[in-house]
Amino acid sequence: EHELYTMSIAVMFGMRTAIGRTNLDMSKNVHNERRWLDDDDMMSVEKYEFPPRGSDITPPHQLNHTFKFKDYSPLAFAYLRRMFGVNEFDFLSSVCGKANYINFQSNAKSGQFFFYSKDGKYMIKTMTNTEGKFLRRIMPHYFRHCAKNPNTLIAKFLGMYRVKLYHLKRNIKFIVMKSVYDTDKPLHQIFDVKGSSLGRDADPGDAVKKDNDIRRVLPEGAFVLEPGLRQRLREQVERDCQWLGSMKIMDYSMLIGVHNIGSRNTKLTKSVSLSTRVQANDDGDDRSNSSYDASMQTLDRYFNVDDDDSYLDG
């Protein structure tokens, strides 16, 4: 617990400083015009050292030891946050407020773990070196896909960092992403689907159901969407899957959250957003994987509900 707390403090100070300096550099552009990014921006790394007493560019902190912090592709991720509609002030308040994270899950074999911010809007997940190198390698392609597909269901990555804690002999890489569970509606059902049938049965008592659990309740349990929305959603899923295939990513799934609406004859928002969950599986059975939020910019629709109904939410 002490180690996790120390890491949380280092993450808070590191991100606050790094993002603040990136925004400052962006504000110095002539007439505040954003410039085109190049390969150097995608692969750039900013390094910071945080002594307890502070420095010219880093604030003092309550830890008794110096730590180092790396900010990967800072300008590219700053553009992505704006692309995803993330307000910088709210983002920093959520992730860097009081380092008050919720430790959601860890995997004893891989040593990876992830946190949710206290308000549940963002998730911080540690990464292996292999995962970090892979993300950096596909970063230009990821950026281009998100720019061309504002409703992509693929992970909304908001920043990639590394914190080095000398006294704990730990060198931790982590990614920050939007949380799938950022919704004000309670989720009554959650499904993790792959479009397969082999091994796609949830164990008894599992909260997250799988493909065959959906098949068993068809047709009554089918997800019914308005035709235009269904077509746009299908096309986006196809584009996302094609992109994942082009990046040689094959182990991924879609997370579907269902909120049941009990009231009748009421005009309710029926929003659909599905999320793709990419599984990191270096050792064959690492399942401490994250789920990813989906853009709902153009998928929100209004319906007259004349029966008990549900809507899907990612």
C-alpha atoms as a PDB file:
ATOM      1  CA  GLU A   1       0.000   0.000   0.000  1.00  0.00           C
ATOM      2  CA  HIS A   2       2.873   2.369   0.776  1.00  0.00           C
ATOM      3  CA  GLU A   3       4.423   1.666  -2.633  1.00  0.00           C
ATOM      4  CA  LEU A   4       1.133   2.337  -4.424  1.00  0.00           C
ATOM      5  CA  TYR A   5       0.678   5.566  -2.482  1.00  0.00           C
ATOM      6  CA  THR A   6       4.200   6.697  -3.361  1.00  0.00           C
ATOM      7  CA  MET A   7       3.588   5.913  -7.011  1.00  0.00           C
ATOM      8  CA  SER A   8       0.294   7.817  -6.902  1.00  0.00           C
ATOM      9  CA  ILE A   9       2.012  10.942  -5.558  1.00  0.00           C
ATOM     10  CA  ALA A  10       4.734  10.688  -8.205  1.00  0.00           C
ATOM     11  CA  VAL A  11       2.127  10.242 -10.949  1.00  0.00           C
ATOM     12  CA  MET A  12       0.158  13.246  -9.719  1.00  0.00           C
ATOM     13  CA  PHE A  13       3.162  15.611  -9.629  1.00  0.00           C
ATOM     14  CA  GLY A  14       4.650  14.252 -12.844  1.00  0.00           C
ATOM     15  CA  MET A  15       1.487  14.526 -14.941  1.00  0.00           C
ATOM     16  CA  ARG A  16       0.550  17.934 -13.572  1.00  0.00           C
ATOM     17  CA  THR A  17       3.990  19.332 -14.417  1.00  0.00           C
ATOM     18  CA  ALA A  18       4.367  17.624 -17.799  1.00  0.00           C
ATOM     19  CA  ILE A  19       0.897  18.514 -19.101  1.00  0.00           C
ATOM     20  CA  GLY A  20       1.203  22.054 -17.785  1.00  0.00           C
ATOM     21  CA  ARG A  21       4.472  22.604 -19.649  1.00  0.00           C
ATOM     22  CA  THR A  22       3.071  21.051 -22.842  1.00  0.00           C
ATOM     23  CA  ASN A  23       0.078  23.400 -22.739  1.00  0.00           C
ATOM     24  CA  LEU A  24       2.427  26.310 -22.086  1.00  0.00           C
ATOM     25  CA  ASP A  25       4.525  25.411 -25.135  1.00  0.00           C
ATOM     26  CA  MET A  26       1.381  25.109 -27.270  1.00  0.00           C
ATOM     27  CA  SER A  27       0.227  28.564 -26.159  1.00  0.00           C
ATOM     28  CA  LYS A  28       3.478  30.088 -27.427  1.00  0.00           C
ATOM     29  CA  ASN A  29       2.695  29.238 -31.031  1.00  0.00           C
ATOM     30  CA  VAL A  30       2.195  32.255 -33.285  1.00  0.00           C
ATOM     31  CA  HIS A  31      -1.465  33.327 -33.132  1.00  0.00           C
ATOM     32  CA  ASN A  32      -2.164  30.133 -31.145  1.00  0.00           C
ATOM     33  CA  GLU A  33      -2.272  28.191 -34.401  1.00  0.00           C
ATOM     34  CA  ARG A  34      -1.825  24.460 -34.052  1.00  0.00           C
ATOM     35  CA  ARG A  35       0.831  23.062 -36.310  1.00  0.00           C
ATOM     36  CA  TRP A  36       0.900  19.757 -38.116  1.00  0.00           C
ATOM     37  CA  LEU A  37       2.518  16.935 -36.190  1.00  0.00           C
ATOM     38  CA  ASP A  38       5.440  15.040 -37.665  1.00  0.00           C
ATOM     39  CA  ASP A  39       7.211  11.782 -36.820  1.00  0.00           C
ATOM     40  CA  ASP A  40       9.469  13.556 -34.334  1.00  0.00           C
ATOM     41  CA  ASP A  41       6.396  14.710 -32.363  1.00  0.00           C
ATOM     42  CA  MET A  42       5.043  11.152 -32.306  1.00  0.00           C
ATOM     43  CA  MET A  43       8.301   9.752 -30.939  1.00  0.00           C
ATOM     44  CA  SER A  44       9.388  12.635 -28.688  1.00  0.00           C
ATOM     45  CA  VAL A  45      10.083  12.143 -24.976  1.00  0.00           C
ATOM     46  CA  GLU A  46      10.245  14.858 -22.324  1.00  0.00           C
ATOM     47  CA  LYS A  47      12.223  14.066 -19.162  1.00  0.00           C
ATOM     48  CA  TYR A  48      11.789  15.581 -15.699  1.00  0.00           C
ATOM     49  CA  GLU A  49      13.566  15.144 -12.359  1.00  0.00           C
ATOM     50  CA  PHE A  50      11.658  15.839  -9.137  1.00  0.00           C
ATOM     51  CA  PRO A  51      13.871  16.486  -6.081  1.00  0.00           C
ATOM     52  CA  PRO A  52      11.918  16.872  -2.819  1.00  0.00           C
ATOM     53  CA  ARG A  53      12.780  20.566  -2.599  1.00  0.00           C
ATOM     54  CA  GLY A  54      11.718  21.262  -6.169  1.00  0.00           C
ATOM     55  CA  SER A  55      13.643  22.761  -9.068  1.00  0.00           C
ATOM     56  CA  ASP A  56      13.304  25.504 -11.654  1.00  0.00           C
ATOM     57  CA  ILE A  57      10.620  23.563 -13.506  1.00  0.00           C
ATOM     58  CA  THR A  58       9.309  21.098 -10.906  1.00  0.00           C
ATOM     59  CA  PRO A  59       7.441  21.826  -7.657  1.00  0.00           C
ATOM     60  CA  PRO A  60       8.490  20.593  -4.199  1.00  0.00           C
ATOM     61  CA  HIS A  61       6.769  17.413  -2.988  1.00  0.00           C
ATOM     62  CA  GLN A  62       6.235  15.473   0.216  1.00  0.00           C
ATOM     63  CA  LEU A  63       8.186  12.363  -0.817  1.00  0.00           C
ATOM     64  CA  ASN A  64      11.586  11.987   0.783  1.00  0.00           C
ATOM     65  CA  HIS A  65      13.305  10.824  -2.370  1.00  0.00           C
ATOM     66  CA  THR A  66      13.985  12.175  -5.841  1.00  0.00           C
ATOM     67  CA  PHE A  67      12.065  10.532  -8.665  1.00  0.00           C
ATOM     68  CA  LYS A  68      12.215  10.853 -12.439  1.00  0.00           C
ATOM     69  CA  PHE A  69       9.326  11.206 -14.844  1.00  0.00           C
ATOM     70  CA  LYS A  70       9.027  10.724 -18.618  1.00  0.00           C
ATOM     71  CA  ASP A  71       6.269  12.083 -20.829  1.00  0.00           C
ATOM     72  CA  TYR A  72       5.960  10.177 -24.119  1.00  0.00           C
ATOM     73  CA  SER A  73       4.631  11.947 -27.238  1.00  0.00           C
ATOM     74  CA  PRO A  74       3.333  14.892 -25.160  1.00  0.00           C
ATOM     75  CA  LEU A  75       2.146  17.036 -28.060  1.00  0.00           C
ATOM     76  CA  ALA A  76       0.447  14.137 -29.850  1.00  0.00           C
ATOM     77  CA  PHE A  77      -1.471  13.144 -26.722  1.00  0.00           C
ATOM     78  CA  ALA A  78      -2.393  16.788 -26.077  1.00  0.00           C
ATOM     79  CA  TYR A  79      -3.972  16.849 -29.548  1.00  0.00           C
ATOM     80  CA  LEU A  80      -5.727  13.531 -28.867  1.00  0.00           C
ATOM     81  CA  ARG A  81      -7.234  14.807 -25.622  1.00  0.00           C
ATOM     82  CA  ARG A  82      -8.707  17.750 -27.492  1.00  0.00           C
ATOM     83  CA  MET A  83      -9.827  15.449 -30.280  1.00  0.00           C
ATOM     84  CA  PHE A  84     -11.681  13.287 -27.742  1.00  0.00           C
ATOM     85  CA  GLY A  85     -13.350  16.332 -26.160  1.00  0.00           C
ATOM     86  CA  VAL A  86     -11.392  16.107 -22.891  1.00  0.00           C
ATOM     87  CA  ASN A  87     -11.177  19.375 -20.978  1.00  0.00           C
ATOM     88  CA  GLU A  88      -7.607  19.800 -19.722  1.00  0.00           C
ATOM     89  CA  PHE A  89      -8.618  21.412 -16.432  1.00  0.00           C
ATOM     90  CA  ASP A  90     -11.184  18.706 -15.620  1.00  0.00           C
ATOM     91  CA  PHE A  91      -8.722  16.024 -16.702  1.00  0.00           C
ATOM     92  CA  LEU A  92      -5.999  17.277 -14.375  1.00  0.00           C
ATOM     93  CA  SER A  93      -8.505  17.731 -11.544  1.00  0.00           C
ATOM     94  CA  SER A  94      -9.682  14.138 -11.922  1.00  0.00           C
ATOM     95  CA  VAL A  95      -6.323  12.452 -12.399  1.00  0.00           C
ATOM     96  CA  CYS A  96      -4.040  14.774 -10.423  1.00  0.00           C
ATOM     97  CA  GLY A  97      -6.361  16.133  -7.751  1.00  0.00           C
ATOM     98  CA  LYS A  98      -5.239  14.477  -4.549  1.00  0.00           C
ATOM     99  CA  ALA A  99      -3.750  11.225  -5.894  1.00  0.00           C
ATOM    100  CA  ASN A 100      -6.889   9.641  -4.510  1.00  0.00           C
ATOM    101  CA  TYR A 101      -7.163   6.646  -6.817  1.00  0.00           C
ATOM    102  CA  ILE A 102      -9.146   3.454  -6.527  1.00  0.00           C
ATOM    103  CA  ASN A 103      -7.047   0.297  -6.950  1.00  0.00           C
ATOM    104  CA  PHE A 104      -9.410  -1.749  -9.080  1.00  0.00           C
ATOM    105  CA  GLN A 105      -7.504  -4.900  -9.990  1.00  0.00           C
ATOM    106  CA  SER A 106      -4.070  -6.412 -10.143  1.00  0.00           C
ATOM    107  CA  ASN A 107      -2.528  -9.520 -11.623  1.00  0.00           C
ATOM    108  CA  ALA A 108      -0.100 -11.344  -9.374  1.00  0.00           C
ATOM    109  CA  LYS A 109       1.707 -13.167 -12.200  1.00  0.00           C
ATOM    110  CA  SER A 110       2.329 -10.212 -14.501  1.00  0.00           C
ATOM    111  CA  GLY A 111       2.639  -7.620 -11.732  1.00  0.00           C
ATOM    112  CA  GLN A 112       0.442  -5.186 -13.684  1.00  0.00           C
ATOM    113  CA  PHE A 113      -2.371  -3.256 -12.045  1.00  0.00           C
ATOM    114  CA  PHE A 114      -4.656  -0.367 -12.775  1.00  0.00           C
ATOM    115  CA  PHE A 115      -6.472   2.416 -10.966  1.00  0.00           C
ATOM    116  CA  TYR A 116      -9.580   4.449 -11.537  1.00  0.00           C
ATOM    117  CA  SER A 117      -9.605   8.133 -10.759  1.00  0.00           C
ATOM    118  CA  LYS A 118     -11.836   8.894  -7.782  1.00  0.00           C
ATOM    119  CA  ASP A 119     -14.626  10.246 -10.006  1.00  0.00           C
ATOM    120  CA  GLY A 120     -14.425   7.167 -12.252  1.00  0.00           C
ATOM    121  CA  LYS A 121     -13.817   9.144 -15.456  1.00  0.00           C
ATOM    122  CA  TYR A 122     -10.298   7.930 -16.177  1.00  0.00           C
ATOM    123  CA  MET A 123      -8.208   4.833 -15.711  1.00  0.00           C
ATOM    124  CA  ILE A 124      -4.471   4.550 -15.136  1.00  0.00           C
ATOM    125  CA  LYS A 125      -2.985   1.204 -16.152  1.00  0.00           C
ATOM    126  CA  THR A 126       0.597   0.077 -15.760  1.00  0.00           C
ATOM    127  CA  MET A 127       2.276  -1.363 -18.839  1.00  0.00           C
ATOM    128  CA  THR A 128       5.004  -3.854 -19.635  1.00  0.00           C
ATOM    129  CA  ASN A 129       7.964  -2.671 -21.686  1.00  0.00           C
ATOM    130  CA  THR A 130       6.622  -4.727 -24.593  1.00  0.00           C
ATOM    131  CA  GLU A 131       3.256  -2.970 -24.444  1.00  0.00           C
ATOM    132  CA  GLY A 132       4.901   0.433 -24.179  1.00  0.00           C
ATOM    133  CA  LYS A 133       7.149  -0.151 -27.190  1.00  0.00           C
ATOM    134  CA  PHE A 134       4.239  -1.463 -29.229  1.00  0.00           C
ATOM    135  CA  LEU A 135       2.045   1.554 -28.474  1.00  0.00           C
ATOM    136  CA  ARG A 136       4.837   3.944 -29.411  1.00  0.00           C
ATOM    137  CA  ARG A 137       5.393   2.058 -32.651  1.00  0.00           C
ATOM    138  CA  ILE A 138       1.745   2.294 -33.724  1.00  0.00           C
ATOM    139  CA  MET A 139       1.228   5.825 -32.389  1.00  0.00           C
ATOM    140  CA  PRO A 140       1.201   7.593 -35.806  1.00  0.00           C
ATOM    141  CA  HIS A 141      -1.298   5.047 -37.141  1.00  0.00           C
ATOM    142  CA  TYR A 142      -3.449   5.290 -34.012  1.00  0.00           C
ATOM    143  CA  PHE A 143      -3.501   9.084 -34.235  1.00  0.00           C
ATOM    144  CA  ARG A 144      -4.496   8.996 -37.904  1.00  0.00           C
ATOM    145  CA  HIS A 145      -7.274   6.439 -37.301  1.00  0.00           C
ATOM    146  CA  CYS A 146      -8.774   8.460 -34.446  1.00  0.00           C
ATOM    147  CA  ALA A 147      -8.604  11.665 -36.496  1.00  0.00           C
ATOM    148  CA  LYS A 148     -10.421  10.026 -39.409  1.00  0.00           C
ATOM    149  CA  ASN A 149     -12.916   8.202 -37.162  1.00  0.00           C
ATOM    150  CA  PRO A 150     -14.261  10.492 -34.396  1.00  0.00           C
ATOM    151  CA  ASN A 151     -16.701   7.730 -33.340  1.00  0.00           C
ATOM    152  CA  THR A 152     -14.070   5.026 -33.083  1.00  0.00           C
ATOM    153  CA  LEU A 153     -14.760   2.446 -30.381  1.00  0.00           C
ATOM    154  CA  ILE A 154     -11.071   1.741 -29.851  1.00  0.00           C
ATOM    155  CA  ALA A 155      -9.301   2.779 -26.664  1.00  0.00           C
ATOM    156  CA  LYS A 156      -9.205   6.503 -25.935  1.00  0.00           C
ATOM    157  CA  PHE A 157      -5.552   6.872 -24.888  1.00  0.00           C
ATOM    158  CA  LEU A 158      -4.863  10.239 -23.243  1.00  0.00           C
ATOM    159  CA  GLY A 159      -1.235  10.021 -22.183  1.00  0.00           C
ATOM    160  CA  MET A 160       1.687   7.641 -21.731  1.00  0.00           C
ATOM    161  CA  TYR A 161       4.269   8.120 -18.988  1.00  0.00           C
ATOM    162  CA  ARG A 162       7.034   6.509 -16.969  1.00  0.00           C
ATOM    163  CA  VAL A 163       7.909   7.129 -13.346  1.00  0.00           C
ATOM    164  CA  LYS A 164      11.220   5.968 -11.878  1.00  0.00           C
ATOM    165  CA  LEU A 165      11.358   5.539  -8.102  1.00  0.00           C
ATOM    166  CA  TYR A 166      14.974   5.009  -7.098  1.00  0.00           C
ATOM    167  CA  HIS A 167      14.406   4.095  -3.455  1.00  0.00           C
ATOM    168  CA  LEU A 168      11.870   1.414  -4.413  1.00  0.00           C
ATOM    169  CA  LYS A 169      13.934   0.258  -7.381  1.00  0.00           C
ATOM    170  CA  ARG A 170      10.839   0.514  -9.553  1.00  0.00           C
ATOM    171  CA  ASN A 171      10.559   1.732 -13.115  1.00  0.00           C
ATOM    172  CA  ILE A 172       6.861   1.923 -13.989  1.00  0.00           C
ATOM    173  CA  LYS A 173       5.307   2.748 -17.347  1.00  0.00           C
ATOM    174  CA  PHE A 174       1.613   3.563 -17.456  1.00  0.00           C
ATOM    175  CA  ILE A 175      -1.106   4.721 -19.803  1.00  0.00           C
ATOM    176  CA  VAL A 176      -4.049   6.993 -18.994  1.00  0.00           C
ATOM    177  CA  MET A 177      -7.332   6.394 -20.826  1.00  0.00           C
ATOM    178  CA  LYS A 178     -11.000   7.284 -20.658  1.00  0.00           C
ATOM    179  CA  SER A 179     -13.025   4.878 -18.538  1.00  0.00           C
ATOM    180  CA  VAL A 180     -15.784   2.802 -20.100  1.00  0.00           C
ATOM    181  CA  TYR A 181     -17.749   3.028 -16.865  1.00  0.00           C
ATOM    182  CA  ASP A 182     -18.045   6.806 -16.844  1.00  0.00           C
ATOM    183  CA  THR A 183     -21.842   6.972 -16.868  1.00  0.00           C
ATOM    184  CA  ASP A 184     -24.469   8.263 -14.458  1.00  0.00           C
ATOM    185  CA  LYS A 185     -26.673   5.246 -15.166  1.00  0.00           C
ATOM    186  CA  PRO A 186     -26.301   1.987 -13.225  1.00  0.00           C
ATOM    187  CA  LEU A 187     -25.277  -0.895 -15.466  1.00  0.00           C
ATOM    188  CA  HIS A 188     -27.471  -3.936 -14.894  1.00  0.00           C
ATOM    189  CA  GLN A 189     -25.663  -6.205 -17.355  1.00  0.00           C
ATOM    190  CA  ILE A 190     -22.172  -6.278 -18.837  1.00  0.00           C
ATOM    191  CA  PHE A 191     -21.124  -8.408 -21.793  1.00  0.00           C
ATOM    192  CA  ASP A 192     -17.637  -9.111 -23.129  1.00  0.00           C
ATOM    193  CA  VAL A 193     -18.076 -10.321 -26.705  1.00  0.00           C
ATOM    194  CA  LYS A 194     -15.664 -11.505 -29.396  1.00  0.00           C
ATOM    195  CA  GLY A 195     -18.033 -12.716 -32.113  1.00  0.00           C
ATOM    196  CA  SER A 196     -16.967 -16.286 -31.391  1.00  0.00           C
ATOM    197  CA  SER A 197     -18.584 -19.286 -29.708  1.00  0.00           C
ATOM    198  CA  LEU A 198     -15.578 -21.345 -28.621  1.00  0.00           C
ATOM    199  CA  GLY A 199     -14.991 -20.878 -24.905  1.00  0.00           C
ATOM    200  CA  ARG A 200     -17.367 -17.931 -24.785  1.00  0.00           C
ATOM    201  CA  ASP A 201     -19.460 -18.980 -21.775  1.00  0.00           C
ATOM    202  CA  ALA A 202     -19.265 -17.075 -18.510  1.00  0.00           C
ATOM    203  CA  ASP A 203     -18.587 -19.090 -15.384  1.00  0.00           C
ATOM    204  CA  PRO A 204     -21.462 -19.375 -12.900  1.00  0.00           C
ATOM    205  CA  GLY A 205     -21.617 -16.234 -10.792  1.00  0.00           C
ATOM    206  CA  ASP A 206     -19.523 -14.113 -13.171  1.00  0.00           C
ATOM    207  CA  ALA A 207     -20.857 -10.567 -13.460  1.00  0.00           C
ATOM    208  CA  VAL A 208     -19.535 -10.176 -17.007  1.00  0.00           C
ATOM    209  CA  LYS A 209     -21.348 -12.398 -19.502  1.00  0.00           C
ATOM    210  CA  LYS A 210     -20.035 -13.571 -22.878  1.00  0.00           C
ATOM    211  CA  ASP A 211     -21.172 -14.371 -26.412  1.00  0.00           C
ATOM    212  CA  ASN A 212     -22.984 -17.626 -25.724  1.00  0.00           C
ATOM    213  CA  ASP A 213     -24.837 -16.082 -22.791  1.00  0.00           C
ATOM    214  CA  ILE A 214     -26.345 -13.609 -25.274  1.00  0.00           C
ATOM    215  CA  ARG A 215     -27.185 -16.366 -27.759  1.00  0.00           C
ATOM    216  CA  ARG A 216     -29.123 -18.285 -25.117  1.00  0.00           C
ATOM    217  CA  VAL A 217     -31.606 -15.426 -24.617  1.00  0.00           C
ATOM    218  CA  LEU A 218     -32.237 -14.719 -28.307  1.00  0.00           C
ATOM    219  CA  PRO A 219     -34.467 -13.449 -29.801  1.00  0.00           C
ATOM    220  CA  GLU A 220     -36.044 -11.842 -26.707  1.00  0.00           C
ATOM    221  CA  GLY A 221     -32.674 -10.651 -25.413  1.00  0.00           C
ATOM    222  CA  ALA A 222     -31.447  -9.191 -28.698  1.00  0.00           C
ATOM    223  CA  PHE A 223     -30.019  -5.667 -28.843  1.00  0.00           C
ATOM    224  CA  VAL A 224     -32.401  -3.828 -31.162  1.00  0.00           C
ATOM    225  CA  LEU A 225     -31.237  -0.549 -32.693  1.00  0.00           C
ATOM    226  CA  GLU A 226     -32.835   1.973 -35.015  1.00  0.00           C
ATOM    227  CA  PRO A 227     -31.781   1.011 -38.600  1.00  0.00           C
ATOM    228  CA  GLY A 228     -29.751   4.145 -39.339  1.00  0.00           C
ATOM    229  CA  LEU A 229     -27.909   3.904 -36.036  1.00  0.00           C
ATOM    230  CA  ARG A 230     -27.333   0.186 -36.518  1.00  0.00           C
ATOM    231  CA  GLN A 231     -25.769   0.792 -39.933  1.00  0.00           C
ATOM    232  CA  ARG A 232     -23.428   3.535 -38.716  1.00  0.00           C
ATOM    233  CA  LEU A 233     -22.406   1.458 -35.717  1.00  0.00           C
ATOM    234  CA  ARG A 234     -21.719  -1.583 -37.885  1.00  0.00           C
ATOM    235  CA  GLU A 235     -19.630   0.459 -40.315  1.00  0.00           C
ATOM    236  CA  GLN A 236     -17.567   1.913 -37.452  1.00  0.00           C
ATOM    237  CA  VAL A 237     -16.981  -1.518 -35.938  1.00  0.00           C
ATOM    238  CA  GLU A 238     -15.821  -2.794 -39.333  1.00  0.00           C
ATOM    239  CA  ARG A 239     -13.405   0.114 -39.766  1.00  0.00           C
ATOM    240  CA  ASP A 240     -12.025  -0.394 -36.256  1.00  0.00           C
ATOM    241  CA  CYS A 241     -11.547  -4.131 -36.817  1.00  0.00           C
ATOM    242  CA  GLN A 242      -9.816  -3.494 -40.142  1.00  0.00           C
ATOM    243  CA  TRP A 243      -7.447  -1.073 -38.420  1.00  0.00           C
ATOM    244  CA  LEU A 244      -6.718  -3.543 -35.611  1.00  0.00           C
ATOM    245  CA  GLY A 245      -5.978  -6.191 -38.227  1.00  0.00           C
ATOM    246  CA  SER A 246      -3.626  -3.854 -40.083  1.00  0.00           C
ATOM    247  CA  MET A 247      -1.718  -3.342 -36.812  1.00  0.00           C
ATOM    248  CA  LYS A 248      -1.483  -7.148 -36.346  1.00  0.00           C
ATOM    249  CA  ILE A 249      -3.685  -6.981 -33.236  1.00  0.00           C
ATOM    250  CA  MET A 250      -5.894 -10.051 -32.974  1.00  0.00           C
ATOM    251  CA  ASP A 251      -6.762 -10.515 -29.284  1.00  0.00           C
ATOM    252  CA  TYR A 252      -9.498  -7.968 -28.595  1.00  0.00           C
ATOM    253  CA  SER A 253     -13.130  -7.928 -27.520  1.00  0.00           C
ATOM    254  CA  MET A 254     -16.077  -5.563 -27.222  1.00  0.00           C
ATOM    255  CA  LEU A 255     -17.532  -4.531 -23.889  1.00  0.00           C
ATOM    256  CA  ILE A 256     -21.278  -3.806 -23.785  1.00  0.00           C
ATOM    257  CA  GLY A 257     -23.002  -2.315 -20.743  1.00  0.00           C
ATOM    258  CA  VAL A 258     -26.797  -2.455 -20.489  1.00  0.00           C
ATOM    259  CA  HIS A 259     -28.974  -0.176 -18.383  1.00  0.00           C
ATOM    260  CA  ASN A 260     -32.584  -1.363 -18.120  1.00  0.00           C
ATOM    261  CA  ILE A 261     -35.212   1.361 -18.333  1.00  0.00           C
ATOM    262  CA  GLY A 262     -38.239   0.436 -16.256  1.00  0.00           C
ATOM    263  CA  SER A 263     -40.530   3.413 -16.929  1.00  0.00           C
ATOM    264  CA  ARG A 264     -43.092   3.204 -19.765  1.00  0.00           C
ATOM    265  CA  ASN A 265     -44.299   5.766 -22.292  1.00  0.00           C
ATOM    266  CA  THR A 266     -41.482   8.169 -21.432  1.00  0.00           C
ATOM    267  CA  LYS A 267     -39.208   9.960 -23.843  1.00  0.00           C
ATOM    268  CA  LEU A 268     -35.760   8.799 -22.806  1.00  0.00           C
ATOM    269  CA  THR A 269     -32.283   9.113 -24.199  1.00  0.00           C
ATOM    270  CA  LYS A 270     -31.205   5.889 -25.788  1.00  0.00           C
ATOM    271  CA  SER A 271     -27.458   6.120 -26.202  1.00  0.00           C
ATOM    272  CA  VAL A 272     -25.395   3.353 -27.697  1.00  0.00           C
ATOM    273  CA  SER A 273     -21.697   3.114 -27.246  1.00  0.00           C
ATOM    274  CA  LEU A 274     -19.645  -0.005 -27.452  1.00  0.00           C
ATOM    275  CA  SER A 275     -16.025  -0.323 -26.587  1.00  0.00           C
ATOM    276  CA  THR A 276     -13.200  -2.418 -27.892  1.00  0.00           C
ATOM    277  CA  ARG A 277     -11.050  -4.072 -25.280  1.00  0.00           C
ATOM    278  CA  VAL A 278      -7.579  -5.026 -26.447  1.00  0.00           C
ATOM    279  CA  GLN A 279      -6.019  -7.748 -24.341  1.00  0.00           C
ATOM    280  CA  ALA A 280      -2.313  -7.742 -23.533  1.00  0.00           C
ATOM    281  CA  ASN A 281      -1.332 -11.384 -23.373  1.00  0.00           C
ATOM    282  CA  ASP A 282       2.446 -11.576 -23.235  1.00  0.00           C
ATOM    283  CA  ASP A 283       2.605 -14.671 -21.036  1.00  0.00           C
ATOM    284  CA  GLY A 284      -0.489 -16.371 -22.406  1.00  0.00           C
ATOM    285  CA  ASP A 285      -2.828 -15.823 -19.513  1.00  0.00           C
ATOM    286  CA  ASP A 286      -2.500 -12.234 -18.374  1.00  0.00           C
ATOM    287  CA  ARG A 287      -6.056 -10.960 -18.063  1.00  0.00           C
ATOM    288  CA  SER A 288      -5.529  -7.743 -16.105  1.00  0.00           C
ATOM    289  CA  ASN A 289      -6.790  -5.835 -19.107  1.00  0.00           C
ATOM    290  CA  SER A 290      -8.495  -2.525 -19.481  1.00  0.00           C
ATOM    291  CA  SER A 291     -11.716  -1.567 -21.193  1.00  0.00           C
ATOM    292  CA  TYR A 292     -12.080   1.445 -23.315  1.00  0.00           C
ATOM    293  CA  ASP A 293     -14.587   4.224 -23.609  1.00  0.00           C
ATOM    294  CA  ALA A 294     -16.469   4.936 -26.829  1.00  0.00           C
ATOM    295  CA  SER A 295     -17.325   8.255 -28.367  1.00  0.00           C
ATOM    296  CA  MET A 296     -21.017   9.117 -28.192  1.00  0.00           C
ATOM    297  CA  GLN A 297     -20.869  12.312 -30.236  1.00  0.00           C
ATOM    298  CA  THR A 298     -23.217  11.148 -32.990  1.00  0.00           C
ATOM    299  CA  LEU A 299     -24.686   7.983 -31.505  1.00  0.00           C
ATOM    300  CA  ASP A 300     -27.144   9.603 -29.097  1.00  0.00           C
ATOM    301  CA  ARG A 301     -30.762   9.243 -30.200  1.00  0.00           C
ATOM    302  CA  TYR A 302     -34.161   9.863 -28.687  1.00  0.00           C
ATOM    303  CA  PHE A 303     -36.946   7.297 -28.764  1.00  0.00           C
ATOM    304  CA  ASN A 304     -40.508   7.034 -27.506  1.00  0.00           C
ATOM    305  CA  VAL A 305     -40.445   4.061 -25.189  1.00  0.00           C
ATOM    306  CA  ASP A 306     -43.758   2.247 -25.220  1.00  0.00           C
ATOM    307  CA  ASP A 307     -42.557  -0.850 -23.422  1.00  0.00           C
ATOM    308  CA  ASP A 308     -39.918  -1.893 -20.912  1.00  0.00           C
ATOM    309  CA  ASP A 309     -36.709  -1.110 -22.722  1.00  0.00           C
ATOM    310  CA  SER A 310     -32.969  -0.933 -22.371  1.00  0.00           C
ATOM    311  CA  TYR A 311     -30.139   1.078 -23.780  1.00  0.00           C
ATOM    312  CA  LEU A 312     -26.543   0.112 -24.255  1.00  0.00           C
ATOM    313  CA  ASP A 313     -23.798   2.160 -22.731  1.00  0.00           C
ATOM    314  CA  GLY A 314     -20.055   1.739 -22.971  1.00  0.00           C
END
